[in-house]
Amino acid sequence: MKVHTVQITIRGRTYSVRSDQDEDLPAIARDVDRRMAEIASRSPRMDDYTIAMLTALNLASELERVRRDVDADLAALDRDLASAGLLLEAGR
């Protein structure tokens, strides 16, 4: 596994991030920066820590929604596969 260092900028601060993943860290950082800017624009007096915390909570909420949707989709697929299996067994 190759570890590489990527320079990203969030809220005007540059960070060196080491990663062994092939994900697009600069694009992820741009998305985080954009989301933080949106939150900051709603309340200009908010400090960076609060902006980061609210952004993290929003991202965690989105992730949880996606997890629930995927779980529901997988459960539906399991039911469909079980039904198809029963139909195949009945046809023998």
C-alpha atoms as a PDB file:
ATOM      1  CA  MET A   1       0.000   0.000   0.000  1.00  0.00           C
ATOM      2  CA  LYS A   2       1.467   3.304  -1.050  1.00  0.00           C
ATOM      3  CA  VAL A   3       1.040   6.226   1.342  1.00  0.00           C
ATOM      4  CA  HIS A   4       1.033   9.650  -0.234  1.00  0.00           C
ATOM      5  CA  THR A   5       0.744  13.189   1.102  1.00  0.00           C
ATOM      6  CA  VAL A   6      -1.857  15.541  -0.315  1.00  0.00           C
ATOM      7  CA  GLN A   7      -2.135  19.280   0.280  1.00  0.00           C
ATOM      8  CA  ILE A   8      -5.695  20.441   0.937  1.00  0.00           C
ATOM      9  CA  THR A   9      -7.132  23.814   1.922  1.00  0.00           C
ATOM     10  CA  ILE A  10     -10.154  24.274   4.156  1.00  0.00           C
ATOM     11  CA  ARG A  11     -11.304  27.702   5.382  1.00  0.00           C
ATOM     12  CA  GLY A  12      -8.093  29.259   4.106  1.00  0.00           C
ATOM     13  CA  ARG A  13      -5.833  26.886   6.017  1.00  0.00           C
ATOM     14  CA  THR A  14      -3.590  24.426   4.204  1.00  0.00           C
ATOM     15  CA  TYR A  15      -3.154  20.928   5.598  1.00  0.00           C
ATOM     16  CA  SER A  16      -0.850  18.094   4.569  1.00  0.00           C
ATOM     17  CA  VAL A  17      -2.858  14.888   4.730  1.00  0.00           C
ATOM     18  CA  ARG A  18      -1.311  11.439   4.454  1.00  0.00           C
ATOM     19  CA  SER A  19      -3.473   8.736   2.954  1.00  0.00           C
ATOM     20  CA  ASP A  20      -3.160   5.209   1.642  1.00  0.00           C
ATOM     21  CA  GLN A  21      -6.552   5.440  -0.043  1.00  0.00           C
ATOM     22  CA  ASP A  22      -7.162   6.209  -3.699  1.00  0.00           C
ATOM     23  CA  GLU A  23      -9.967   8.626  -2.874  1.00  0.00           C
ATOM     24  CA  ASP A  24      -9.905  12.118  -4.267  1.00  0.00           C
ATOM     25  CA  LEU A  25      -8.951  14.047  -1.127  1.00  0.00           C
ATOM     26  CA  PRO A  26      -8.754  17.464  -2.837  1.00  0.00           C
ATOM     27  CA  ALA A  27     -12.341  17.076  -4.096  1.00  0.00           C
ATOM     28  CA  ILE A  28     -13.504  15.941  -0.659  1.00  0.00           C
ATOM     29  CA  ALA A  29     -11.734  18.915   0.941  1.00  0.00           C
ATOM     30  CA  ARG A  30     -13.386  21.291  -1.552  1.00  0.00           C
ATOM     31  CA  ASP A  31     -16.789  19.833  -0.622  1.00  0.00           C
ATOM     32  CA  VAL A  32     -16.090  20.232   3.103  1.00  0.00           C
ATOM     33  CA  ASP A  33     -14.849  23.797   2.504  1.00  0.00           C
ATOM     34  CA  ARG A  34     -17.983  24.621   0.496  1.00  0.00           C
ATOM     35  CA  ARG A  35     -20.257  23.199   3.196  1.00  0.00           C
ATOM     36  CA  MET A  36     -18.421  25.118   5.914  1.00  0.00           C
ATOM     37  CA  ALA A  37     -18.689  28.330   3.876  1.00  0.00           C
ATOM     38  CA  GLU A  38     -22.453  27.787   3.522  1.00  0.00           C
ATOM     39  CA  ILE A  39     -22.851  27.406   7.284  1.00  0.00           C
ATOM     40  CA  ALA A  40     -20.567  30.395   7.955  1.00  0.00           C
ATOM     41  CA  SER A  41     -22.579  32.572   5.567  1.00  0.00           C
ATOM     42  CA  ARG A  42     -25.732  31.966   7.618  1.00  0.00           C
ATOM     43  CA  SER A  43     -24.126  33.287  10.778  1.00  0.00           C
ATOM     44  CA  PRO A  44     -20.984  35.362  10.152  1.00  0.00           C
ATOM     45  CA  ARG A  45     -20.162  35.645  13.876  1.00  0.00           C
ATOM     46  CA  MET A  46     -19.712  31.899  14.314  1.00  0.00           C
ATOM     47  CA  ASP A  47     -16.175  30.762  15.120  1.00  0.00           C
ATOM     48  CA  ASP A  48     -14.405  28.141  12.987  1.00  0.00           C
ATOM     49  CA  TYR A  49     -14.771  25.443  15.657  1.00  0.00           C
ATOM     50  CA  THR A  50     -18.559  25.841  15.739  1.00  0.00           C
ATOM     51  CA  ILE A  51     -18.694  25.894  11.926  1.00  0.00           C
ATOM     52  CA  ALA A  52     -16.634  22.698  11.802  1.00  0.00           C
ATOM     53  CA  MET A  53     -18.843  21.037  14.434  1.00  0.00           C
ATOM     54  CA  LEU A  54     -22.067  21.931  12.598  1.00  0.00           C
ATOM     55  CA  THR A  55     -20.571  20.744   9.306  1.00  0.00           C
ATOM     56  CA  ALA A  56     -19.535  17.451  10.911  1.00  0.00           C
ATOM     57  CA  LEU A  57     -23.039  16.977  12.322  1.00  0.00           C
ATOM     58  CA  ASN A  58     -24.613  17.687   8.930  1.00  0.00           C
ATOM     59  CA  LEU A  59     -22.282  15.207   7.210  1.00  0.00           C
ATOM     60  CA  ALA A  60     -22.934  12.554   9.877  1.00  0.00           C
ATOM     61  CA  SER A  61     -26.680  13.080   9.455  1.00  0.00           C
ATOM     62  CA  GLU A  62     -26.389  12.620   5.683  1.00  0.00           C
ATOM     63  CA  LEU A  63     -24.308   9.485   6.171  1.00  0.00           C
ATOM     64  CA  GLU A  64     -26.848   8.020   8.577  1.00  0.00           C
ATOM     65  CA  ARG A  65     -29.659   8.702   6.082  1.00  0.00           C
ATOM     66  CA  VAL A  66     -27.674   6.947   3.344  1.00  0.00           C
ATOM     67  CA  ARG A  67     -26.992   3.978   5.648  1.00  0.00           C
ATOM     68  CA  ARG A  68     -30.693   3.631   6.462  1.00  0.00           C
ATOM     69  CA  ASP A  69     -31.586   3.832   2.753  1.00  0.00           C
ATOM     70  CA  VAL A  70     -28.982   1.197   1.855  1.00  0.00           C
ATOM     71  CA  ASP A  71     -30.169  -1.065   4.687  1.00  0.00           C
ATOM     72  CA  ALA A  72     -33.766  -0.739   3.480  1.00  0.00           C
ATOM     73  CA  ASP A  73     -32.719  -1.472  -0.109  1.00  0.00           C
ATOM     74  CA  LEU A  74     -30.729  -4.530   0.990  1.00  0.00           C
ATOM     75  CA  ALA A  75     -33.674  -5.814   3.040  1.00  0.00           C
ATOM     76  CA  ALA A  76     -35.945  -5.426   0.011  1.00  0.00           C
ATOM     77  CA  LEU A  77     -33.432  -7.294  -2.148  1.00  0.00           C
ATOM     78  CA  ASP A  78     -33.232 -10.080   0.435  1.00  0.00           C
ATOM     79  CA  ARG A  79     -37.032 -10.410   0.376  1.00  0.00           C
ATOM     80  CA  ASP A  80     -37.065 -10.440  -3.429  1.00  0.00           C
ATOM     81  CA  LEU A  81     -34.340 -13.088  -3.542  1.00  0.00           C
ATOM     82  CA  ALA A  82     -36.155 -15.219  -0.987  1.00  0.00           C
ATOM     83  CA  SER A  83     -39.367 -14.980  -3.030  1.00  0.00           C
ATOM     84  CA  ALA A  84     -37.514 -15.853  -6.224  1.00  0.00           C
ATOM     85  CA  GLY A  85     -35.919 -18.826  -4.460  1.00  0.00           C
ATOM     86  CA  LEU A  86     -39.322 -20.074  -3.339  1.00  0.00           C
ATOM     87  CA  LEU A  87     -40.686 -19.711  -6.871  1.00  0.00           C
ATOM     88  CA  LEU A  88     -37.737 -21.651  -8.282  1.00  0.00           C
ATOM     89  CA  GLU A  89     -38.180 -24.406  -5.690  1.00  0.00           C
ATOM     90  CA  ALA A  90     -41.913 -24.631  -6.417  1.00  0.00           C
ATOM     91  CA  GLY A  91     -41.210 -24.960 -10.146  1.00  0.00           C
ATOM     92  CA  ARG A  92     -39.028 -28.062  -9.720  1.00  0.00           C
END
